[in-house]
Amino acid sequence: MKIVQIGTGGWGKNHARVLSELGVLSAICDVDAQRSKEYGEKYSVNHYTSLDNMMISEEFDGAMVVTPTFTHTTITKKLLESKKHVFVEKPLTYKTEEGEELVKIAGKNKVILTCGYIERFNPAVGVVKNLVKEKKYGDLIMLEFHRENRMPLNIKDIGIIYDTSVHDIDTANWLFDEMPIVVFAKAGKINHKYEDFASIMLGYKENKVAIISSNWITPKKVRTFSAVCSDAIISSDFISQEVKIEKKDETEIPRNEKQEPLLLEIQNFLDSINGEKEQIVKIQEAVNVTKIAEAALLSSQKGIPIYLNLK
């Protein structure tokens, strides 16, 4: 299999590394000529600054699109129309309509289209997902997420909701195994062109709720979540991948093998192309996350809850 890497910036360089480790990286494309050359030479593959030139010169099966969000639609559309399988980093698009258009093109050309919601591949989330599914500690009632850090220097085109909160929006949908019916949010900005802190509440059926707190203000990096079940609280750290279960009289620490989520995510993309495994992140789910992020921004602007009817 041959996969090309488009974009080798802050996060894209990690995709290139993993693709090379898996032996499927066939070319690099980056508008920054120096960076394109650097990674092309590092991994001994052809390198380009033009997507069109790469598509003319290279034969490949799929592409990883890890570029600024405003470029996702144009690049992905070109690739899908050439019948290439595509992995797009999150968020899929800024606008729901653009995401829905990409879904139609992928379906028409019968190719895989997926989006980089990496926490689904975090072993800690996998442990919690299984515990919730088995109802080992009763019903899942509430989820609470905290993501805090100084603003990343490489993020310039979007605010914290599209860049950071979307991870937890998707994880909440994944753990509840359904879509929210209402969104209420408050966000603001202190040091950034766009919002750099946000609190989002997602309401699901039967009064289930997810509370998502994100900011680019706190100096300490925090990536934690907790699942409140009827018989226990299951808490976890996305970074350490440790899981803790607190019951009335005891605390359990389930065994969990730490793994690199990005490697698992990219392997799933390759396996889904081969038809060996089911695609974990269905593309309509990624479109729904964009729609929820849009609703969160609208809710914050208007100060009202936004009701949704998602597929």
C-alpha atoms as a PDB file:
ATOM      1  CA  MET A   1       0.000   0.000   0.000  1.00  0.00           C
ATOM      2  CA  LYS A   2       1.177   3.528  -0.774  1.00  0.00           C
ATOM      3  CA  ILE A   3       0.080   6.499   1.346  1.00  0.00           C
ATOM      4  CA  VAL A   4       1.115  10.122   0.777  1.00  0.00           C
ATOM      5  CA  GLN A   5       1.457  12.678   3.565  1.00  0.00           C
ATOM      6  CA  ILE A   6       0.075  16.169   2.919  1.00  0.00           C
ATOM      7  CA  GLY A   7       1.247  18.651   5.546  1.00  0.00           C
ATOM      8  CA  THR A   8       4.244  18.127   7.838  1.00  0.00           C
ATOM      9  CA  GLY A   9       3.712  20.875  10.397  1.00  0.00           C
ATOM     10  CA  GLY A  10       3.199  20.621  14.159  1.00  0.00           C
ATOM     11  CA  TRP A  11       1.135  17.412  14.052  1.00  0.00           C
ATOM     12  CA  GLY A  12       1.660  16.195  10.484  1.00  0.00           C
ATOM     13  CA  LYS A  13       5.289  15.283  11.113  1.00  0.00           C
ATOM     14  CA  ASN A  14       4.047  12.615  13.548  1.00  0.00           C
ATOM     15  CA  HIS A  15       1.810  11.076  10.877  1.00  0.00           C
ATOM     16  CA  ALA A  16       4.787  10.962   8.495  1.00  0.00           C
ATOM     17  CA  ARG A  17       6.860   9.179  11.147  1.00  0.00           C
ATOM     18  CA  VAL A  18       4.183   6.551  11.803  1.00  0.00           C
ATOM     19  CA  LEU A  19       3.510   5.968   8.093  1.00  0.00           C
ATOM     20  CA  SER A  20       7.257   5.466   7.584  1.00  0.00           C
ATOM     21  CA  GLU A  21       7.426   3.045  10.533  1.00  0.00           C
ATOM     22  CA  LEU A  22       4.570   1.058   8.976  1.00  0.00           C
ATOM     23  CA  GLY A  23       6.376   0.997   5.617  1.00  0.00           C
ATOM     24  CA  VAL A  24       3.610   2.698   3.612  1.00  0.00           C
ATOM     25  CA  LEU A  25       4.836   6.315   3.254  1.00  0.00           C
ATOM     26  CA  SER A  26       5.369   6.955  -0.468  1.00  0.00           C
ATOM     27  CA  ALA A  27       5.630  10.771  -0.806  1.00  0.00           C
ATOM     28  CA  ILE A  28       5.551  14.049   1.126  1.00  0.00           C
ATOM     29  CA  CYS A  29       3.744  17.224   0.097  1.00  0.00           C
ATOM     30  CA  ASP A  30       4.057  20.549   1.924  1.00  0.00           C
ATOM     31  CA  VAL A  31       3.785  24.115   0.633  1.00  0.00           C
ATOM     32  CA  ASP A  32       6.863  24.921   2.721  1.00  0.00           C
ATOM     33  CA  ALA A  33       9.667  23.826   0.368  1.00  0.00           C
ATOM     34  CA  GLN A  34      12.265  23.523   3.125  1.00  0.00           C
ATOM     35  CA  ARG A  35      10.005  21.351   5.287  1.00  0.00           C
ATOM     36  CA  SER A  36       8.941  19.216   2.323  1.00  0.00           C
ATOM     37  CA  LYS A  37      12.577  18.595   1.416  1.00  0.00           C
ATOM     38  CA  GLU A  38      13.551  17.904   5.031  1.00  0.00           C
ATOM     39  CA  TYR A  39      10.932  15.182   5.555  1.00  0.00           C
ATOM     40  CA  GLY A  40      11.258  13.780   2.043  1.00  0.00           C
ATOM     41  CA  GLU A  41      14.978  13.250   2.599  1.00  0.00           C
ATOM     42  CA  LYS A  42      14.469  12.034   6.180  1.00  0.00           C
ATOM     43  CA  TYR A  43      12.191   9.219   5.026  1.00  0.00           C
ATOM     44  CA  SER A  44      13.771   8.701   1.574  1.00  0.00           C
ATOM     45  CA  VAL A  45      10.604   9.476  -0.414  1.00  0.00           C
ATOM     46  CA  ASN A  46       9.781  11.969  -3.164  1.00  0.00           C
ATOM     47  CA  HIS A  47       8.734  15.389  -1.938  1.00  0.00           C
ATOM     48  CA  TYR A  48       6.535  18.097  -3.458  1.00  0.00           C
ATOM     49  CA  THR A  49       5.248  21.598  -2.742  1.00  0.00           C
ATOM     50  CA  SER A  50       2.263  21.209  -5.093  1.00  0.00           C
ATOM     51  CA  LEU A  51      -0.592  18.756  -4.597  1.00  0.00           C
ATOM     52  CA  ASP A  52      -1.354  18.789  -8.330  1.00  0.00           C
ATOM     53  CA  ASN A  53       2.240  17.917  -9.233  1.00  0.00           C
ATOM     54  CA  MET A  54       2.284  15.112  -6.697  1.00  0.00           C
ATOM     55  CA  MET A  55      -0.982  13.673  -8.012  1.00  0.00           C
ATOM     56  CA  ILE A  56       0.380  13.704 -11.567  1.00  0.00           C
ATOM     57  CA  SER A  57       3.750  12.176 -10.643  1.00  0.00           C
ATOM     58  CA  GLU A  58       2.838   9.630  -7.952  1.00  0.00           C
ATOM     59  CA  GLU A  59       0.765   6.470  -7.888  1.00  0.00           C
ATOM     60  CA  PHE A  60      -0.776   5.991  -4.451  1.00  0.00           C
ATOM     61  CA  ASP A  61      -3.750   4.423  -2.685  1.00  0.00           C
ATOM     62  CA  GLY A  62      -4.531   6.970   0.008  1.00  0.00           C
ATOM     63  CA  ALA A  63      -3.566  10.257   1.613  1.00  0.00           C
ATOM     64  CA  MET A  64      -3.255  11.807   5.047  1.00  0.00           C
ATOM     65  CA  VAL A  65      -4.418  15.441   5.022  1.00  0.00           C
ATOM     66  CA  VAL A  66      -2.853  17.263   7.971  1.00  0.00           C
ATOM     67  CA  THR A  67      -3.091  20.889   6.873  1.00  0.00           C
ATOM     68  CA  PRO A  68      -4.871  23.990   8.256  1.00  0.00           C
ATOM     69  CA  THR A  69      -8.617  23.368   8.543  1.00  0.00           C
ATOM     70  CA  PHE A  70      -9.574  25.998   5.947  1.00  0.00           C
ATOM     71  CA  THR A  71      -7.722  23.938   3.294  1.00  0.00           C
ATOM     72  CA  HIS A  72      -9.322  20.579   4.136  1.00  0.00           C
ATOM     73  CA  THR A  73     -12.306  20.789   1.786  1.00  0.00           C
ATOM     74  CA  THR A  74     -10.366  21.769  -1.360  1.00  0.00           C
ATOM     75  CA  ILE A  75      -7.583  19.211  -0.848  1.00  0.00           C
ATOM     76  CA  THR A  76      -9.862  16.351   0.209  1.00  0.00           C
ATOM     77  CA  LYS A  77     -12.301  16.961  -2.635  1.00  0.00           C
ATOM     78  CA  LYS A  78      -9.487  16.671  -5.202  1.00  0.00           C
ATOM     79  CA  LEU A  79      -8.258  13.428  -3.693  1.00  0.00           C
ATOM     80  CA  LEU A  80     -11.707  11.843  -3.402  1.00  0.00           C
ATOM     81  CA  GLU A  81     -12.573  12.757  -6.979  1.00  0.00           C
ATOM     82  CA  SER A  82      -9.373  10.922  -8.009  1.00  0.00           C
ATOM     83  CA  LYS A  83     -10.697   7.890  -6.120  1.00  0.00           C
ATOM     84  CA  LYS A  84      -8.111   8.029  -3.333  1.00  0.00           C
ATOM     85  CA  HIS A  85      -8.843   6.963   0.243  1.00  0.00           C
ATOM     86  CA  VAL A  86      -8.460   9.932   2.588  1.00  0.00           C
ATOM     87  CA  PHE A  87      -7.725  10.464   6.276  1.00  0.00           C
ATOM     88  CA  VAL A  88      -8.342  14.102   7.318  1.00  0.00           C
ATOM     89  CA  GLU A  89      -7.138  15.492  10.622  1.00  0.00           C
ATOM     90  CA  LYS A  90      -9.815  16.921  12.869  1.00  0.00           C
ATOM     91  CA  PRO A  91     -11.936  18.892  12.500  1.00  0.00           C
ATOM     92  CA  LEU A  92     -13.082  17.573   9.125  1.00  0.00           C
ATOM     93  CA  THR A  93     -14.244  21.028   7.986  1.00  0.00           C
ATOM     94  CA  TYR A  94     -15.330  24.372   9.404  1.00  0.00           C
ATOM     95  CA  LYS A  95     -18.801  24.063   7.913  1.00  0.00           C
ATOM     96  CA  THR A  96     -21.239  21.185   8.095  1.00  0.00           C
ATOM     97  CA  GLU A  97     -22.305  21.655   4.456  1.00  0.00           C
ATOM     98  CA  GLU A  98     -18.716  21.174   3.261  1.00  0.00           C
ATOM     99  CA  GLY A  99     -18.361  18.003   5.316  1.00  0.00           C
ATOM    100  CA  GLU A 100     -21.630  16.626   3.928  1.00  0.00           C
ATOM    101  CA  GLU A 101     -20.424  17.358   0.388  1.00  0.00           C
ATOM    102  CA  LEU A 102     -17.231  15.351   1.047  1.00  0.00           C
ATOM    103  CA  VAL A 103     -19.303  12.447   2.408  1.00  0.00           C
ATOM    104  CA  LYS A 104     -21.318  12.354  -0.839  1.00  0.00           C
ATOM    105  CA  ILE A 105     -18.191  12.440  -3.028  1.00  0.00           C
ATOM    106  CA  ALA A 106     -16.575   9.629  -1.012  1.00  0.00           C
ATOM    107  CA  GLY A 107     -19.740   7.535  -1.320  1.00  0.00           C
ATOM    108  CA  LYS A 108     -20.030   8.188  -5.045  1.00  0.00           C
ATOM    109  CA  ASN A 109     -16.413   7.129  -5.637  1.00  0.00           C
ATOM    110  CA  LYS A 110     -16.604   4.209  -3.178  1.00  0.00           C
ATOM    111  CA  VAL A 111     -13.531   5.222  -1.183  1.00  0.00           C
ATOM    112  CA  ILE A 112     -12.772   5.428   2.536  1.00  0.00           C
ATOM    113  CA  LEU A 113     -13.023   8.867   4.146  1.00  0.00           C
ATOM    114  CA  THR A 114     -12.272   9.200   7.845  1.00  0.00           C
ATOM    115  CA  CYS A 115     -11.280  11.869  10.329  1.00  0.00           C
ATOM    116  CA  GLY A 116      -8.603  12.028  13.037  1.00  0.00           C
ATOM    117  CA  TYR A 117     -10.537  11.742  16.275  1.00  0.00           C
ATOM    118  CA  ILE A 118      -7.567  10.135  17.969  1.00  0.00           C
ATOM    119  CA  GLU A 119      -8.984   9.652  21.480  1.00  0.00           C
ATOM    120  CA  ARG A 120     -11.133   6.768  20.241  1.00  0.00           C
ATOM    121  CA  PHE A 121      -7.819   4.934  19.868  1.00  0.00           C
ATOM    122  CA  ASN A 122      -6.516   5.913  23.306  1.00  0.00           C
ATOM    123  CA  PRO A 123      -6.298   2.680  25.339  1.00  0.00           C
ATOM    124  CA  ALA A 124      -7.699   4.500  28.399  1.00  0.00           C
ATOM    125  CA  VAL A 125     -10.831   5.481  26.478  1.00  0.00           C
ATOM    126  CA  GLY A 126     -11.061   1.898  25.233  1.00  0.00           C
ATOM    127  CA  VAL A 127     -11.065   0.584  28.811  1.00  0.00           C
ATOM    128  CA  VAL A 128     -13.816   3.022  29.834  1.00  0.00           C
ATOM    129  CA  LYS A 129     -15.817   2.258  26.670  1.00  0.00           C
ATOM    130  CA  ASN A 130     -15.797  -1.463  27.501  1.00  0.00           C
ATOM    131  CA  LEU A 131     -16.745  -0.893  31.154  1.00  0.00           C
ATOM    132  CA  VAL A 132     -19.636   1.356  30.112  1.00  0.00           C
ATOM    133  CA  LYS A 133     -20.802  -1.074  27.430  1.00  0.00           C
ATOM    134  CA  GLU A 134     -20.775  -3.988  29.900  1.00  0.00           C
ATOM    135  CA  LYS A 135     -22.588  -1.835  32.497  1.00  0.00           C
ATOM    136  CA  LYS A 136     -20.176  -3.267  35.040  1.00  0.00           C
ATOM    137  CA  TYR A 137     -20.695  -0.216  37.279  1.00  0.00           C
ATOM    138  CA  GLY A 138     -24.258   0.575  36.304  1.00  0.00           C
ATOM    139  CA  ASP A 139     -25.504   3.099  33.772  1.00  0.00           C
ATOM    140  CA  LEU A 140     -23.376   5.953  32.445  1.00  0.00           C
ATOM    141  CA  ILE A 141     -25.045   9.169  33.591  1.00  0.00           C
ATOM    142  CA  MET A 142     -22.529  11.983  33.172  1.00  0.00           C
ATOM    143  CA  LEU A 143     -19.162  12.689  31.534  1.00  0.00           C
ATOM    144  CA  GLU A 144     -16.779  15.473  32.487  1.00  0.00           C
ATOM    145  CA  PHE A 145     -13.730  16.542  30.438  1.00  0.00           C
ATOM    146  CA  HIS A 146     -10.867  18.948  31.194  1.00  0.00           C
ATOM    147  CA  ARG A 147      -8.292  20.056  28.600  1.00  0.00           C
ATOM    148  CA  GLU A 148      -6.007  22.865  29.640  1.00  0.00           C
ATOM    149  CA  ASN A 149      -2.710  24.204  28.326  1.00  0.00           C
ATOM    150  CA  ARG A 150      -1.059  27.343  26.990  1.00  0.00           C
ATOM    151  CA  MET A 151      -2.168  28.208  23.459  1.00  0.00           C
ATOM    152  CA  PRO A 152      -0.224  26.129  20.883  1.00  0.00           C
ATOM    153  CA  LEU A 153       1.853  28.409  18.650  1.00  0.00           C
ATOM    154  CA  ASN A 154       1.037  26.422  15.502  1.00  0.00           C
ATOM    155  CA  ILE A 155      -2.743  26.979  15.812  1.00  0.00           C
ATOM    156  CA  LYS A 156      -3.640  30.201  13.991  1.00  0.00           C
ATOM    157  CA  ASP A 157      -6.815  29.606  11.980  1.00  0.00           C
ATOM    158  CA  ILE A 158      -9.313  28.353  14.580  1.00  0.00           C
ATOM    159  CA  GLY A 159     -10.300  28.766  18.221  1.00  0.00           C
ATOM    160  CA  ILE A 160     -10.305  26.249  21.021  1.00  0.00           C
ATOM    161  CA  ILE A 161     -13.729  24.753  20.277  1.00  0.00           C
ATOM    162  CA  TYR A 162     -12.785  23.564  16.773  1.00  0.00           C
ATOM    163  CA  ASP A 163      -9.217  22.662  17.738  1.00  0.00           C
ATOM    164  CA  THR A 164      -9.536  21.144  21.217  1.00  0.00           C
ATOM    165  CA  SER A 165     -13.119  20.744  22.425  1.00  0.00           C
ATOM    166  CA  VAL A 166     -13.994  18.645  19.365  1.00  0.00           C
ATOM    167  CA  HIS A 167     -11.884  15.801  20.776  1.00  0.00           C
ATOM    168  CA  ASP A 168     -14.103  15.607  23.841  1.00  0.00           C
ATOM    169  CA  ILE A 169     -17.311  16.171  21.887  1.00  0.00           C
ATOM    170  CA  ASP A 170     -16.452  13.115  19.800  1.00  0.00           C
ATOM    171  CA  THR A 171     -15.364  11.074  22.837  1.00  0.00           C
ATOM    172  CA  ALA A 172     -18.624  11.896  24.635  1.00  0.00           C
ATOM    173  CA  ASN A 173     -20.662  10.759  21.612  1.00  0.00           C
ATOM    174  CA  TRP A 174     -18.515   7.596  21.434  1.00  0.00           C
ATOM    175  CA  LEU A 175     -18.953   6.714  25.110  1.00  0.00           C
ATOM    176  CA  PHE A 176     -22.688   7.464  25.200  1.00  0.00           C
ATOM    177  CA  ASP A 177     -23.035   5.777  21.780  1.00  0.00           C
ATOM    178  CA  GLU A 178     -25.493   8.446  20.661  1.00  0.00           C
ATOM    179  CA  MET A 179     -25.696  12.064  19.567  1.00  0.00           C
ATOM    180  CA  PRO A 180     -26.684  14.996  21.809  1.00  0.00           C
ATOM    181  CA  ILE A 181     -30.063  16.655  21.402  1.00  0.00           C
ATOM    182  CA  VAL A 182     -29.093  20.032  22.907  1.00  0.00           C
ATOM    183  CA  VAL A 183     -25.953  22.166  23.276  1.00  0.00           C
ATOM    184  CA  PHE A 184     -25.333  25.085  25.628  1.00  0.00           C
ATOM    185  CA  ALA A 185     -21.970  26.848  25.734  1.00  0.00           C
ATOM    186  CA  LYS A 186     -20.105  29.915  26.938  1.00  0.00           C
ATOM    187  CA  ALA A 187     -16.767  30.924  25.428  1.00  0.00           C
ATOM    188  CA  GLY A 188     -14.475  33.942  25.359  1.00  0.00           C
ATOM    189  CA  LYS A 189     -11.065  35.173  24.306  1.00  0.00           C
ATOM    190  CA  ILE A 190      -8.163  36.681  26.243  1.00  0.00           C
ATOM    191  CA  ASN A 191      -4.942  36.138  24.274  1.00  0.00           C
ATOM    192  CA  HIS A 192      -6.138  34.841  20.937  1.00  0.00           C
ATOM    193  CA  LYS A 193      -7.883  36.032  17.770  1.00  0.00           C
ATOM    194  CA  TYR A 194     -10.552  33.388  18.335  1.00  0.00           C
ATOM    195  CA  GLU A 195     -12.045  31.946  21.545  1.00  0.00           C
ATOM    196  CA  ASP A 196      -9.376  30.549  23.878  1.00  0.00           C
ATOM    197  CA  PHE A 197     -11.611  29.208  26.649  1.00  0.00           C
ATOM    198  CA  ALA A 198     -14.959  27.424  26.530  1.00  0.00           C
ATOM    199  CA  SER A 199     -17.387  25.438  28.642  1.00  0.00           C
ATOM    200  CA  ILE A 200     -19.812  23.263  26.724  1.00  0.00           C
ATOM    201  CA  MET A 201     -22.725  21.217  28.001  1.00  0.00           C
ATOM    202  CA  LEU A 202     -24.113  18.483  25.770  1.00  0.00           C
ATOM    203  CA  GLY A 203     -27.512  17.091  26.692  1.00  0.00           C
ATOM    204  CA  TYR A 204     -28.420  13.564  25.622  1.00  0.00           C
ATOM    205  CA  LYS A 205     -31.600  11.528  25.973  1.00  0.00           C
ATOM    206  CA  GLU A 206     -32.784  10.528  29.457  1.00  0.00           C
ATOM    207  CA  ASN A 207     -31.060  13.557  31.039  1.00  0.00           C
ATOM    208  CA  LYS A 208     -27.548  12.240  30.374  1.00  0.00           C
ATOM    209  CA  VAL A 209     -24.986  15.008  30.094  1.00  0.00           C
ATOM    210  CA  ALA A 210     -21.389  15.736  29.072  1.00  0.00           C
ATOM    211  CA  ILE A 211     -19.572  18.798  30.437  1.00  0.00           C
ATOM    212  CA  ILE A 212     -16.534  19.892  28.443  1.00  0.00           C
ATOM    213  CA  SER A 213     -14.099  22.506  29.807  1.00  0.00           C
ATOM    214  CA  SER A 214     -11.259  23.663  27.549  1.00  0.00           C
ATOM    215  CA  ASN A 215      -8.798  26.550  27.796  1.00  0.00           C
ATOM    216  CA  TRP A 216      -5.520  27.843  26.342  1.00  0.00           C
ATOM    217  CA  ILE A 217      -4.809  29.927  29.438  1.00  0.00           C
ATOM    218  CA  THR A 218      -3.684  27.541  32.202  1.00  0.00           C
ATOM    219  CA  PRO A 219       0.115  27.041  32.195  1.00  0.00           C
ATOM    220  CA  LYS A 220      -0.116  23.372  33.225  1.00  0.00           C
ATOM    221  CA  LYS A 221      -1.101  20.728  30.669  1.00  0.00           C
ATOM    222  CA  VAL A 222      -4.212  18.815  31.751  1.00  0.00           C
ATOM    223  CA  ARG A 223      -6.014  16.106  29.750  1.00  0.00           C
ATOM    224  CA  THR A 224      -8.469  14.268  31.997  1.00  0.00           C
ATOM    225  CA  PHE A 225     -12.006  12.914  31.972  1.00  0.00           C
ATOM    226  CA  SER A 226     -14.367  11.132  34.302  1.00  0.00           C
ATOM    227  CA  ALA A 227     -17.405   8.951  33.724  1.00  0.00           C
ATOM    228  CA  VAL A 228     -20.051   9.089  36.434  1.00  0.00           C
ATOM    229  CA  CYS A 229     -21.919   5.796  36.546  1.00  0.00           C
ATOM    230  CA  SER A 230     -24.708   4.772  38.895  1.00  0.00           C
ATOM    231  CA  ASP A 231     -22.345   2.549  40.952  1.00  0.00           C
ATOM    232  CA  ALA A 232     -18.906   4.162  40.513  1.00  0.00           C
ATOM    233  CA  ILE A 233     -16.873   7.029  39.095  1.00  0.00           C
ATOM    234  CA  ILE A 234     -14.364   6.018  36.430  1.00  0.00           C
ATOM    235  CA  SER A 235     -11.643   8.628  35.943  1.00  0.00           C
ATOM    236  CA  SER A 236      -8.777   8.687  33.502  1.00  0.00           C
ATOM    237  CA  ASP A 237      -5.876  10.687  32.112  1.00  0.00           C
ATOM    238  CA  PHE A 238      -5.543  10.866  28.325  1.00  0.00           C
ATOM    239  CA  ILE A 239      -1.774  11.384  28.620  1.00  0.00           C
ATOM    240  CA  SER A 240      -0.739   8.740  31.188  1.00  0.00           C
ATOM    241  CA  GLN A 241      -3.560   6.432  29.977  1.00  0.00           C
ATOM    242  CA  GLU A 242      -4.216   5.402  33.584  1.00  0.00           C
ATOM    243  CA  VAL A 243      -7.751   4.493  34.643  1.00  0.00           C
ATOM    244  CA  LYS A 244      -9.117   4.589  38.207  1.00  0.00           C
ATOM    245  CA  ILE A 245     -12.456   3.208  39.398  1.00  0.00           C
ATOM    246  CA  GLU A 246     -13.800   4.630  42.653  1.00  0.00           C
ATOM    247  CA  LYS A 247     -16.612   2.715  44.322  1.00  0.00           C
ATOM    248  CA  LYS A 248     -18.200   3.273  47.702  1.00  0.00           C
ATOM    249  CA  ASP A 249     -15.563   1.491  49.782  1.00  0.00           C
ATOM    250  CA  GLU A 250     -12.699   0.753  47.415  1.00  0.00           C
ATOM    251  CA  THR A 251     -10.639   1.968  44.471  1.00  0.00           C
ATOM    252  CA  GLU A 252      -9.636  -0.232  41.532  1.00  0.00           C
ATOM    253  CA  ILE A 253      -6.844   0.365  39.014  1.00  0.00           C
ATOM    254  CA  PRO A 254      -7.511  -1.850  35.991  1.00  0.00           C
ATOM    255  CA  ARG A 255      -4.527  -3.162  34.046  1.00  0.00           C
ATOM    256  CA  ASN A 256      -3.985  -1.240  30.848  1.00  0.00           C
ATOM    257  CA  GLU A 257      -1.173  -1.492  28.299  1.00  0.00           C
ATOM    258  CA  LYS A 258       0.010   1.938  27.164  1.00  0.00           C
ATOM    259  CA  GLN A 259       0.086   2.340  23.388  1.00  0.00           C
ATOM    260  CA  GLU A 260       0.500   5.194  20.901  1.00  0.00           C
ATOM    261  CA  PRO A 261      -3.028   6.237  19.826  1.00  0.00           C
ATOM    262  CA  LEU A 262      -1.778   7.740  16.541  1.00  0.00           C
ATOM    263  CA  LEU A 263      -0.242   4.416  15.498  1.00  0.00           C
ATOM    264  CA  LEU A 264      -3.498   2.589  16.282  1.00  0.00           C
ATOM    265  CA  GLU A 265      -5.519   5.248  14.437  1.00  0.00           C
ATOM    266  CA  ILE A 266      -3.412   5.101  11.268  1.00  0.00           C
ATOM    267  CA  GLN A 267      -3.340   1.295  11.359  1.00  0.00           C
ATOM    268  CA  ASN A 268      -7.155   1.297  11.452  1.00  0.00           C
ATOM    269  CA  PHE A 269      -7.215   3.549   8.364  1.00  0.00           C
ATOM    270  CA  LEU A 270      -4.933   1.114   6.513  1.00  0.00           C
ATOM    271  CA  ASP A 271      -6.931  -1.912   7.700  1.00  0.00           C
ATOM    272  CA  SER A 272     -10.219  -0.317   6.618  1.00  0.00           C
ATOM    273  CA  ILE A 273      -8.773   0.321   3.131  1.00  0.00           C
ATOM    274  CA  ASN A 274      -7.800  -3.361   2.934  1.00  0.00           C
ATOM    275  CA  GLY A 275     -11.219  -4.394   4.210  1.00  0.00           C
ATOM    276  CA  GLU A 276      -9.588  -6.196   7.128  1.00  0.00           C
ATOM    277  CA  LYS A 277     -11.262  -4.164   9.885  1.00  0.00           C
ATOM    278  CA  GLU A 278     -14.234  -1.887  10.332  1.00  0.00           C
ATOM    279  CA  GLN A 279     -13.635   1.846  10.093  1.00  0.00           C
ATOM    280  CA  ILE A 280     -13.713   3.127  13.719  1.00  0.00           C
ATOM    281  CA  VAL A 281     -14.495   6.795  12.976  1.00  0.00           C
ATOM    282  CA  LYS A 282     -17.426   6.852  10.547  1.00  0.00           C
ATOM    283  CA  ILE A 283     -17.361  10.010   8.496  1.00  0.00           C
ATOM    284  CA  GLN A 284     -20.926  11.060   9.339  1.00  0.00           C
ATOM    285  CA  GLU A 285     -19.878  11.081  13.006  1.00  0.00           C
ATOM    286  CA  ALA A 286     -17.121  13.573  12.127  1.00  0.00           C
ATOM    287  CA  VAL A 287     -19.646  15.756  10.288  1.00  0.00           C
ATOM    288  CA  ASN A 288     -21.845  15.651  13.391  1.00  0.00           C
ATOM    289  CA  VAL A 289     -18.950  16.856  15.564  1.00  0.00           C
ATOM    290  CA  THR A 290     -18.567  19.871  13.256  1.00  0.00           C
ATOM    291  CA  LYS A 291     -22.293  20.529  13.568  1.00  0.00           C
ATOM    292  CA  ILE A 292     -22.078  20.347  17.374  1.00  0.00           C
ATOM    293  CA  ALA A 293     -19.064  22.703  17.396  1.00  0.00           C
ATOM    294  CA  GLU A 294     -21.024  25.151  15.219  1.00  0.00           C
ATOM    295  CA  ALA A 295     -23.935  24.910  17.668  1.00  0.00           C
ATOM    296  CA  ALA A 296     -21.594  25.553  20.638  1.00  0.00           C
ATOM    297  CA  LEU A 297     -20.258  28.741  19.046  1.00  0.00           C
ATOM    298  CA  LEU A 298     -23.783  29.879  18.176  1.00  0.00           C
ATOM    299  CA  SER A 299     -25.001  29.117  21.699  1.00  0.00           C
ATOM    300  CA  SER A 300     -22.159  31.155  23.188  1.00  0.00           C
ATOM    301  CA  GLN A 301     -22.876  34.111  20.889  1.00  0.00           C
ATOM    302  CA  LYS A 302     -26.635  34.101  21.524  1.00  0.00           C
ATOM    303  CA  GLY A 303     -26.638  32.900  25.149  1.00  0.00           C
ATOM    304  CA  ILE A 304     -29.264  30.259  24.439  1.00  0.00           C
ATOM    305  CA  PRO A 305     -29.382  26.457  24.129  1.00  0.00           C
ATOM    306  CA  ILE A 306     -29.267  25.103  20.571  1.00  0.00           C
ATOM    307  CA  TYR A 307     -31.382  22.049  19.828  1.00  0.00           C
ATOM    308  CA  LEU A 308     -30.111  19.433  17.384  1.00  0.00           C
ATOM    309  CA  ASN A 309     -31.509  16.608  15.285  1.00  0.00           C
ATOM    310  CA  LEU A 310     -28.471  14.582  14.242  1.00  0.00           C
ATOM    311  CA  LYS A 311     -28.278  11.335  12.268  1.00  0.00           C
END
